[in-house]
Amino acid sequence: MSVVILGGNECMVREYKDLCREYQCKAKVYPKMSGAMKNLGRPDLLVMFTGTMSHKMLRFAMNETKGTNVRIVRSQSGSMAALRNILEQHAS
């Protein structure tokens, strides 16, 4: 399963990826808006930590996934516990 995480804390990128690996998921993490986000692709799950992402980043992600069957999960918190709960529900 492929997961794209938008927002969150920059210092926790490695922890996000390690947690996803525990659930047998490949993860791309974009804590900030960047040119690399053009490679968003077609993930199975898109996780948006809305408390730490910009409106521009949110609009870009919604436009990229419009018309696809990507599951989108929004969470106000960018904590490891929040990501763990999301992965428990969607990656199991």
PDB file of N, CA and C in Angstrom:
ATOM      1  N   MET A   1       0.856  -1.171   0.000  1.00  0.00           N
ATOM      2  CA  MET A   1       0.000   0.000   0.000  1.00  0.00           C
ATOM      3  C   MET A   1       0.902   1.233   0.000  1.00  0.00           C
ATOM      4  N   SER A   2       0.549   2.207  -0.804  1.00  0.00           N
ATOM      5  CA  SER A   2       1.325   3.446  -0.851  1.00  0.00           C
ATOM      6  C   SER A   2       0.581   4.553  -0.111  1.00  0.00           C
ATOM      7  N   VAL A   3       1.349   5.329   0.647  1.00  0.00           N
ATOM      8  CA  VAL A   3       0.798   6.397   1.474  1.00  0.00           C
ATOM      9  C   VAL A   3       1.556   7.681   1.174  1.00  0.00           C
ATOM     10  N   VAL A   4       0.826   8.775   1.017  1.00  0.00           N
ATOM     11  CA  VAL A   4       1.440  10.091   0.911  1.00  0.00           C
ATOM     12  C   VAL A   4       0.957  10.902   2.104  1.00  0.00           C
ATOM     13  N   ILE A   5       1.921  11.488   2.821  1.00  0.00           N
ATOM     14  CA  ILE A   5       1.614  12.290   4.002  1.00  0.00           C
ATOM     15  C   ILE A   5       1.951  13.742   3.687  1.00  0.00           C
ATOM     16  N   LEU A   6       0.981  14.610   3.848  1.00  0.00           N
ATOM     17  CA  LEU A   6       1.176  16.041   3.619  1.00  0.00           C
ATOM     18  C   LEU A   6       1.060  16.775   4.943  1.00  0.00           C
ATOM     19  N   GLY A   7       1.979  17.696   5.182  1.00  0.00           N
ATOM     20  CA  GLY A   7       1.987  18.439   6.432  1.00  0.00           C
ATOM     21  C   GLY A   7       2.758  17.669   7.481  1.00  0.00           C
ATOM     22  N   GLY A   8       2.485  17.954   8.725  1.00  0.00           N
ATOM     23  CA  GLY A   8       3.207  17.311   9.807  1.00  0.00           C
ATOM     24  C   GLY A   8       4.451  18.098  10.180  1.00  0.00           C
ATOM     25  N   ASN A   9       5.260  17.506  11.016  1.00  0.00           N
ATOM     26  CA  ASN A   9       6.477  18.161  11.494  1.00  0.00           C
ATOM     27  C   ASN A   9       7.671  17.724  10.665  1.00  0.00           C
ATOM     28  N   GLU A  10       8.492  18.683  10.259  1.00  0.00           N
ATOM     29  CA  GLU A  10       9.665  18.366   9.444  1.00  0.00           C
ATOM     30  C   GLU A  10      10.625  17.435  10.163  1.00  0.00           C
ATOM     31  N   CYS A  11      10.756  17.596  11.470  1.00  0.00           N
ATOM     32  CA  CYS A  11      11.716  16.781  12.212  1.00  0.00           C
ATOM     33  C   CYS A  11      11.226  15.346  12.402  1.00  0.00           C
ATOM     34  N   MET A  12       9.986  15.052  12.042  1.00  0.00           N
ATOM     35  CA  MET A  12       9.439  13.708  12.248  1.00  0.00           C
ATOM     36  C   MET A  12       9.272  12.917  10.949  1.00  0.00           C
ATOM     37  N   VAL A  13       9.857  13.392   9.874  1.00  0.00           N
ATOM     38  CA  VAL A  13       9.705  12.717   8.579  1.00  0.00           C
ATOM     39  C   VAL A  13      10.177  11.268   8.670  1.00  0.00           C
ATOM     40  N   ARG A  14      11.344  11.046   9.261  1.00  0.00           N
ATOM     41  CA  ARG A  14      11.887   9.686   9.378  1.00  0.00           C
ATOM     42  C   ARG A  14      10.968   8.807  10.218  1.00  0.00           C
ATOM     43  N   GLU A  15      10.414   9.341  11.308  1.00  0.00           N
ATOM     44  CA  GLU A  15       9.523   8.565  12.164  1.00  0.00           C
ATOM     45  C   GLU A  15       8.241   8.196  11.431  1.00  0.00           C
ATOM     46  N   TYR A  16       7.698   9.134  10.635  1.00  0.00           N
ATOM     47  CA  TYR A  16       6.501   8.837   9.830  1.00  0.00           C
ATOM     48  C   TYR A  16       6.776   7.675   8.876  1.00  0.00           C
ATOM     49  N   LYS A  17       7.917   7.729   8.191  1.00  0.00           N
ATOM     50  CA  LYS A  17       8.254   6.672   7.234  1.00  0.00           C
ATOM     51  C   LYS A  17       8.465   5.335   7.932  1.00  0.00           C
ATOM     52  N   ASP A  18       9.124   5.358   9.093  1.00  0.00           N
ATOM     53  CA  ASP A  18       9.354   4.115   9.832  1.00  0.00           C
ATOM     54  C   ASP A  18       8.044   3.492  10.305  1.00  0.00           C
ATOM     55  N   LEU A  19       7.121   4.326  10.765  1.00  0.00           N
ATOM     56  CA  LEU A  19       5.824   3.812  11.212  1.00  0.00           C
ATOM     57  C   LEU A  19       5.055   3.207  10.036  1.00  0.00           C
ATOM     58  N   CYS A  20       5.093   3.862   8.907  1.00  0.00           N
ATOM     59  CA  CYS A  20       4.421   3.309   7.723  1.00  0.00           C
ATOM     60  C   CYS A  20       5.043   1.984   7.317  1.00  0.00           C
ATOM     61  N   ARG A  21       6.353   1.875   7.441  1.00  0.00           N
ATOM     62  CA  ARG A  21       7.035   0.632   7.100  1.00  0.00           C
ATOM     63  C   ARG A  21       6.572  -0.505   8.018  1.00  0.00           C
ATOM     64  N   GLU A  22       6.270  -0.197   9.283  1.00  0.00           N
ATOM     65  CA  GLU A  22       5.762  -1.218  10.205  1.00  0.00           C
ATOM     66  C   GLU A  22       4.435  -1.796   9.724  1.00  0.00           C
ATOM     67  N   TYR A  23       3.663  -0.999   8.997  1.00  0.00           N
ATOM     68  CA  TYR A  23       2.372  -1.445   8.462  1.00  0.00           C
ATOM     69  C   TYR A  23       2.491  -1.899   7.000  1.00  0.00           C
ATOM     70  N   GLN A  24       3.705  -2.177   6.553  1.00  0.00           N
ATOM     71  CA  GLN A  24       3.990  -2.620   5.183  1.00  0.00           C
ATOM     72  C   GLN A  24       3.486  -1.622   4.144  1.00  0.00           C
ATOM     73  N   CYS A  25       3.702  -0.347   4.401  1.00  0.00           N
ATOM     74  CA  CYS A  25       3.303   0.713   3.480  1.00  0.00           C
ATOM     75  C   CYS A  25       4.536   1.461   3.015  1.00  0.00           C
ATOM     76  N   LYS A  26       4.518   1.867   1.756  1.00  0.00           N
ATOM     77  CA  LYS A  26       5.554   2.753   1.241  1.00  0.00           C
ATOM     78  C   LYS A  26       5.042   4.174   1.416  1.00  0.00           C
ATOM     79  N   ALA A  27       5.891   5.048   1.931  1.00  0.00           N
ATOM     80  CA  ALA A  27       5.432   6.399   2.257  1.00  0.00           C
ATOM     81  C   ALA A  27       6.281   7.463   1.591  1.00  0.00           C
ATOM     82  N   LYS A  28       5.600   8.505   1.135  1.00  0.00           N
ATOM     83  CA  LYS A  28       6.230   9.748   0.724  1.00  0.00           C
ATOM     84  C   LYS A  28       5.721  10.800   1.704  1.00  0.00           C
ATOM     85  N   VAL A  29       6.619  11.628   2.209  1.00  0.00           N
ATOM     86  CA  VAL A  29       6.237  12.634   3.196  1.00  0.00           C
ATOM     87  C   VAL A  29       6.652  14.005   2.681  1.00  0.00           C
ATOM     88  N   TYR A  30       5.701  14.926   2.645  1.00  0.00           N
ATOM     89  CA  TYR A  30       5.948  16.297   2.231  1.00  0.00           C
ATOM     90  C   TYR A  30       5.476  17.231   3.346  1.00  0.00           C
ATOM     91  N   PRO A  31       6.376  17.629   4.254  1.00  0.00           N
ATOM     92  CA  PRO A  31       5.957  18.507   5.346  1.00  0.00           C
ATOM     93  C   PRO A  31       5.682  19.940   4.900  1.00  0.00           C
ATOM     94  N   LYS A  32       6.299  20.354   3.788  1.00  0.00           N
ATOM     95  CA  LYS A  32       6.098  21.700   3.265  1.00  0.00           C
ATOM     96  C   LYS A  32       5.785  21.632   1.779  1.00  0.00           C
ATOM     97  N   MET A  33       5.204  22.696   1.263  1.00  0.00           N
ATOM     98  CA  MET A  33       4.939  22.813  -0.170  1.00  0.00           C
ATOM     99  C   MET A  33       6.276  22.904  -0.891  1.00  0.00           C
ATOM    100  N   SER A  34       6.464  22.067  -1.896  1.00  0.00           N
ATOM    101  CA  SER A  34       7.706  22.091  -2.666  1.00  0.00           C
ATOM    102  C   SER A  34       7.428  21.623  -4.086  1.00  0.00           C
ATOM    103  N   GLY A  35       8.388  21.823  -4.942  1.00  0.00           N
ATOM    104  CA  GLY A  35       8.265  21.383  -6.323  1.00  0.00           C
ATOM    105  C   GLY A  35       8.201  19.876  -6.464  1.00  0.00           C
ATOM    106  N   ALA A  36       8.727  19.159  -5.476  1.00  0.00           N
ATOM    107  CA  ALA A  36       8.718  17.691  -5.509  1.00  0.00           C
ATOM    108  C   ALA A  36       7.312  17.130  -5.381  1.00  0.00           C
ATOM    109  N   MET A  37       6.363  17.944  -4.936  1.00  0.00           N
ATOM    110  CA  MET A  37       4.990  17.461  -4.782  1.00  0.00           C
ATOM    111  C   MET A  37       4.327  17.168  -6.125  1.00  0.00           C
ATOM    112  N   LYS A  38       4.919  17.597  -7.205  1.00  0.00           N
ATOM    113  CA  LYS A  38       4.363  17.275  -8.523  1.00  0.00           C
ATOM    114  C   LYS A  38       4.417  15.775  -8.777  1.00  0.00           C
ATOM    115  N   ASN A  39       5.252  15.053  -7.997  1.00  0.00           N
ATOM    116  CA  ASN A  39       5.366  13.599  -8.100  1.00  0.00           C
ATOM    117  C   ASN A  39       4.463  12.894  -7.100  1.00  0.00           C
ATOM    118  N   LEU A  40       3.322  13.507  -6.808  1.00  0.00           N
ATOM    119  CA  LEU A  40       2.391  12.943  -5.832  1.00  0.00           C
ATOM    120  C   LEU A  40       1.924  11.560  -6.271  1.00  0.00           C
ATOM    121  N   GLY A  41       1.708  11.375  -7.547  1.00  0.00           N
ATOM    122  CA  GLY A  41       1.306  10.080  -8.065  1.00  0.00           C
ATOM    123  C   GLY A  41      -0.121   9.732  -7.713  1.00  0.00           C
ATOM    124  N   ARG A  42      -0.410   8.436  -7.643  1.00  0.00           N
ATOM    125  CA  ARG A  42      -1.737   7.930  -7.302  1.00  0.00           C
ATOM    126  C   ARG A  42      -1.617   7.021  -6.084  1.00  0.00           C
ATOM    127  N   PRO A  43      -1.499   7.592  -4.900  1.00  0.00           N
ATOM    128  CA  PRO A  43      -1.356   6.752  -3.704  1.00  0.00           C
ATOM    129  C   PRO A  43      -2.662   6.062  -3.352  1.00  0.00           C
ATOM    130  N   ASP A  44      -2.553   5.014  -2.563  1.00  0.00           N
ATOM    131  CA  ASP A  44      -3.750   4.340  -2.060  1.00  0.00           C
ATOM    132  C   ASP A  44      -4.396   5.152  -0.943  1.00  0.00           C
ATOM    133  N   LEU A  45      -3.566   5.889  -0.185  1.00  0.00           N
ATOM    134  CA  LEU A  45      -4.060   6.664   0.952  1.00  0.00           C
ATOM    135  C   LEU A  45      -3.323   7.994   1.002  1.00  0.00           C
ATOM    136  N   LEU A  46      -4.068   9.072   1.115  1.00  0.00           N
ATOM    137  CA  LEU A  46      -3.498  10.410   1.261  1.00  0.00           C
ATOM    138  C   LEU A  46      -3.849  10.915   2.652  1.00  0.00           C
ATOM    139  N   VAL A  47      -2.825  11.165   3.462  1.00  0.00           N
ATOM    140  CA  VAL A  47      -3.014  11.646   4.830  1.00  0.00           C
ATOM    141  C   VAL A  47      -2.635  13.122   4.850  1.00  0.00           C
ATOM    142  N   MET A  48      -3.565  13.954   5.314  1.00  0.00           N
ATOM    143  CA  MET A  48      -3.293  15.386   5.400  1.00  0.00           C
ATOM    144  C   MET A  48      -3.365  15.821   6.858  1.00  0.00           C
ATOM    145  N   PHE A  49      -2.231  16.285   7.374  1.00  0.00           N
ATOM    146  CA  PHE A  49      -2.187  16.852   8.708  1.00  0.00           C
ATOM    147  C   PHE A  49      -2.494  18.334   8.574  1.00  0.00           C
ATOM    148  N   THR A  50      -3.754  18.680   8.698  1.00  0.00           N
ATOM    149  CA  THR A  50      -4.222  20.026   8.354  1.00  0.00           C
ATOM    150  C   THR A  50      -3.765  21.100   9.325  1.00  0.00           C
ATOM    151  N   GLY A  51      -3.346  20.724  10.516  1.00  0.00           N
ATOM    152  CA  GLY A  51      -2.894  21.717  11.478  1.00  0.00           C
ATOM    153  C   GLY A  51      -1.582  22.372  11.091  1.00  0.00           C
ATOM    154  N   THR A  52      -0.804  21.711  10.234  1.00  0.00           N
ATOM    155  CA  THR A  52       0.521  22.229   9.881  1.00  0.00           C
ATOM    156  C   THR A  52       0.714  22.435   8.384  1.00  0.00           C
ATOM    157  N   MET A  53      -0.343  22.354   7.610  1.00  0.00           N
ATOM    158  CA  MET A  53      -0.176  22.543   6.172  1.00  0.00           C
ATOM    159  C   MET A  53      -0.854  23.829   5.725  1.00  0.00           C
ATOM    160  N   SER A  54      -0.333  24.401   4.642  1.00  0.00           N
ATOM    161  CA  SER A  54      -0.872  25.653   4.141  1.00  0.00           C
ATOM    162  C   SER A  54      -2.123  25.407   3.300  1.00  0.00           C
ATOM    163  N   HIS A  55      -2.886  26.456   3.108  1.00  0.00           N
ATOM    164  CA  HIS A  55      -4.087  26.357   2.267  1.00  0.00           C
ATOM    165  C   HIS A  55      -3.697  26.058   0.828  1.00  0.00           C
ATOM    166  N   LYS A  56      -2.601  26.624   0.380  1.00  0.00           N
ATOM    167  CA  LYS A  56      -2.119  26.381  -0.982  1.00  0.00           C
ATOM    168  C   LYS A  56      -1.799  24.900  -1.179  1.00  0.00           C
ATOM    169  N   MET A  57      -1.171  24.307  -0.187  1.00  0.00           N
ATOM    170  CA  MET A  57      -0.826  22.886  -0.250  1.00  0.00           C
ATOM    171  C   MET A  57      -2.087  22.023  -0.268  1.00  0.00           C
ATOM    172  N   LEU A  58      -3.073  22.401   0.523  1.00  0.00           N
ATOM    173  CA  LEU A  58      -4.348  21.684   0.564  1.00  0.00           C
ATOM    174  C   LEU A  58      -5.055  21.745  -0.781  1.00  0.00           C
ATOM    175  N   ARG A  59      -5.136  22.929  -1.364  1.00  0.00           N
ATOM    176  CA  ARG A  59      -5.783  23.079  -2.678  1.00  0.00           C
ATOM    177  C   ARG A  59      -5.052  22.287  -3.755  1.00  0.00           C
ATOM    178  N   PHE A  60      -3.711  22.300  -3.725  1.00  0.00           N
ATOM    179  CA  PHE A  60      -2.935  21.554  -4.702  1.00  0.00           C
ATOM    180  C   PHE A  60      -3.228  20.060  -4.602  1.00  0.00           C
ATOM    181  N   ALA A  61      -3.240  19.542  -3.386  1.00  0.00           N
ATOM    182  CA  ALA A  61      -3.492  18.114  -3.187  1.00  0.00           C
ATOM    183  C   ALA A  61      -4.890  17.725  -3.644  1.00  0.00           C
ATOM    184  N   MET A  62      -5.877  18.554  -3.340  1.00  0.00           N
ATOM    185  CA  MET A  62      -7.248  18.251  -3.743  1.00  0.00           C
ATOM    186  C   MET A  62      -7.390  18.281  -5.267  1.00  0.00           C
ATOM    187  N   ASN A  63      -6.711  19.216  -5.936  1.00  0.00           N
ATOM    188  CA  ASN A  63      -6.760  19.271  -7.396  1.00  0.00           C
ATOM    189  C   ASN A  63      -6.067  18.070  -8.026  1.00  0.00           C
ATOM    190  N   GLU A  64      -4.968  17.629  -7.431  1.00  0.00           N
ATOM    191  CA  GLU A  64      -4.231  16.483  -7.968  1.00  0.00           C
ATOM    192  C   GLU A  64      -5.011  15.179  -7.846  1.00  0.00           C
ATOM    193  N   THR A  65      -5.815  15.056  -6.797  1.00  0.00           N
ATOM    194  CA  THR A  65      -6.533  13.804  -6.565  1.00  0.00           C
ATOM    195  C   THR A  65      -7.978  13.835  -7.054  1.00  0.00           C
ATOM    196  N   LYS A  66      -8.393  14.957  -7.615  1.00  0.00           N
ATOM    197  CA  LYS A  66      -9.771  15.057  -8.106  1.00  0.00           C
ATOM    198  C   LYS A  66     -10.009  14.040  -9.217  1.00  0.00           C
ATOM    199  N   GLY A  67     -11.102  13.325  -9.127  1.00  0.00           N
ATOM    200  CA  GLY A  67     -11.465  12.348 -10.148  1.00  0.00           C
ATOM    201  C   GLY A  67     -10.780  11.005  -9.988  1.00  0.00           C
ATOM    202  N   THR A  68     -10.041  10.802  -8.921  1.00  0.00           N
ATOM    203  CA  THR A  68      -9.389   9.518  -8.679  1.00  0.00           C
ATOM    204  C   THR A  68     -10.047   8.846  -7.477  1.00  0.00           C
ATOM    205  N   ASN A  69      -9.704   7.610  -7.252  1.00  0.00           N
ATOM    206  CA  ASN A  69     -10.291   6.886  -6.122  1.00  0.00           C
ATOM    207  C   ASN A  69      -9.313   6.803  -4.948  1.00  0.00           C
ATOM    208  N   VAL A  70      -8.604   7.883  -4.696  1.00  0.00           N
ATOM    209  CA  VAL A  70      -7.661   7.959  -3.584  1.00  0.00           C
ATOM    210  C   VAL A  70      -8.432   8.199  -2.297  1.00  0.00           C
ATOM    211  N   ARG A  71      -8.159   7.395  -1.281  1.00  0.00           N
ATOM    212  CA  ARG A  71      -8.774   7.627   0.032  1.00  0.00           C
ATOM    213  C   ARG A  71      -8.039   8.785   0.699  1.00  0.00           C
ATOM    214  N   ILE A  72      -8.781   9.776   1.150  1.00  0.00           N
ATOM    215  CA  ILE A  72      -8.197  10.956   1.781  1.00  0.00           C
ATOM    216  C   ILE A  72      -8.621  10.987   3.236  1.00  0.00           C
ATOM    217  N   VAL A  73      -7.633  11.131   4.117  1.00  0.00           N
ATOM    218  CA  VAL A  73      -7.892  11.215   5.550  1.00  0.00           C
ATOM    219  C   VAL A  73      -7.284  12.516   6.043  1.00  0.00           C
ATOM    220  N   ARG A  74      -8.093  13.305   6.755  1.00  0.00           N
ATOM    221  CA  ARG A  74      -7.612  14.560   7.328  1.00  0.00           C
ATOM    222  C   ARG A  74      -7.521  14.417   8.833  1.00  0.00           C
ATOM    223  N   SER A  75      -6.453  14.967   9.387  1.00  0.00           N
ATOM    224  CA  SER A  75      -6.262  14.945  10.831  1.00  0.00           C
ATOM    225  C   SER A  75      -5.694  16.298  11.249  1.00  0.00           C
ATOM    226  N   GLN A  76      -6.256  16.866  12.293  1.00  0.00           N
ATOM    227  CA  GLN A  76      -5.756  18.140  12.803  1.00  0.00           C
ATOM    228  C   GLN A  76      -4.370  17.955  13.407  1.00  0.00           C
ATOM    229  N   SER A  77      -4.153  16.840  14.059  1.00  0.00           N
ATOM    230  CA  SER A  77      -2.894  16.574  14.743  1.00  0.00           C
ATOM    231  C   SER A  77      -1.915  15.847  13.830  1.00  0.00           C
ATOM    232  N   GLY A  78      -0.646  16.193  13.928  1.00  0.00           N
ATOM    233  CA  GLY A  78       0.392  15.524  13.154  1.00  0.00           C
ATOM    234  C   GLY A  78       1.234  14.603  14.015  1.00  0.00           C
ATOM    235  N   SER A  79       0.641  14.071  15.075  1.00  0.00           N
ATOM    236  CA  SER A  79       1.393  13.232  16.008  1.00  0.00           C
ATOM    237  C   SER A  79       1.524  11.798  15.492  1.00  0.00           C
ATOM    238  N   MET A  80       2.444  11.079  16.119  1.00  0.00           N
ATOM    239  CA  MET A  80       2.633   9.679  15.766  1.00  0.00           C
ATOM    240  C   MET A  80       1.398   8.865  16.132  1.00  0.00           C
ATOM    241  N   ALA A  81       0.737   9.215  17.237  1.00  0.00           N
ATOM    242  CA  ALA A  81      -0.470   8.493  17.643  1.00  0.00           C
ATOM    243  C   ALA A  81      -1.583   8.685  16.619  1.00  0.00           C
ATOM    244  N   ALA A  82      -1.706   9.884  16.083  1.00  0.00           N
ATOM    245  CA  ALA A  82      -2.727  10.137  15.069  1.00  0.00           C
ATOM    246  C   ALA A  82      -2.445   9.326  13.814  1.00  0.00           C
ATOM    247  N   LEU A  83      -1.188   9.293  13.389  1.00  0.00           N
ATOM    248  CA  LEU A  83      -0.828   8.507  12.200  1.00  0.00           C
ATOM    249  C   LEU A  83      -1.037   7.026  12.460  1.00  0.00           C
ATOM    250  N   ARG A  84      -0.685   6.563  13.646  1.00  0.00           N
ATOM    251  CA  ARG A  84      -0.881   5.150  13.982  1.00  0.00           C
ATOM    252  C   ARG A  84      -2.375   4.779  13.907  1.00  0.00           C
ATOM    253  N   ASN A  85      -3.247   5.637  14.426  1.00  0.00           N
ATOM    254  CA  ASN A  85      -4.678   5.367  14.369  1.00  0.00           C
ATOM    255  C   ASN A  85      -5.171   5.327  12.931  1.00  0.00           C
ATOM    256  N   ILE A  86      -4.685   6.231  12.101  1.00  0.00           N
ATOM    257  CA  ILE A  86      -5.076   6.259  10.690  1.00  0.00           C
ATOM    258  C   ILE A  86      -4.644   4.966   9.997  1.00  0.00           C
ATOM    259  N   LEU A  87      -3.404   4.555  10.243  1.00  0.00           N
ATOM    260  CA  LEU A  87      -2.897   3.340   9.606  1.00  0.00           C
ATOM    261  C   LEU A  87      -3.618   2.091  10.129  1.00  0.00           C
ATOM    262  N   GLU A  88      -3.990   2.079  11.397  1.00  0.00           N
ATOM    263  CA  GLU A  88      -4.762   0.963  11.954  1.00  0.00           C
ATOM    264  C   GLU A  88      -6.079   0.803  11.205  1.00  0.00           C
ATOM    265  N   GLN A  89      -6.735   1.919  10.910  1.00  0.00           N
ATOM    266  CA  GLN A  89      -8.041   1.870  10.251  1.00  0.00           C
ATOM    267  C   GLN A  89      -7.940   1.548   8.773  1.00  0.00           C
ATOM    268  N   HIS A  90      -6.918   2.068   8.089  1.00  0.00           N
ATOM    269  CA  HIS A  90      -6.911   1.993   6.628  1.00  0.00           C
ATOM    270  C   HIS A  90      -5.889   1.012   6.041  1.00  0.00           C
ATOM    271  N   ALA A  91      -4.851   0.652   6.790  1.00  0.00           N
ATOM    272  CA  ALA A  91      -3.826  -0.216   6.225  1.00  0.00           C
ATOM    273  C   ALA A  91      -3.979  -1.654   6.662  1.00  0.00           C
ATOM    274  N   SER A  92      -4.876  -1.940   7.562  1.00  0.00           N
ATOM    275  CA  SER A  92      -5.039  -3.325   8.045  1.00  0.00           C
ATOM    276  C   SER A  92      -5.887  -4.141   7.107  1.00  0.00           C
TER     277      SER A  92
END
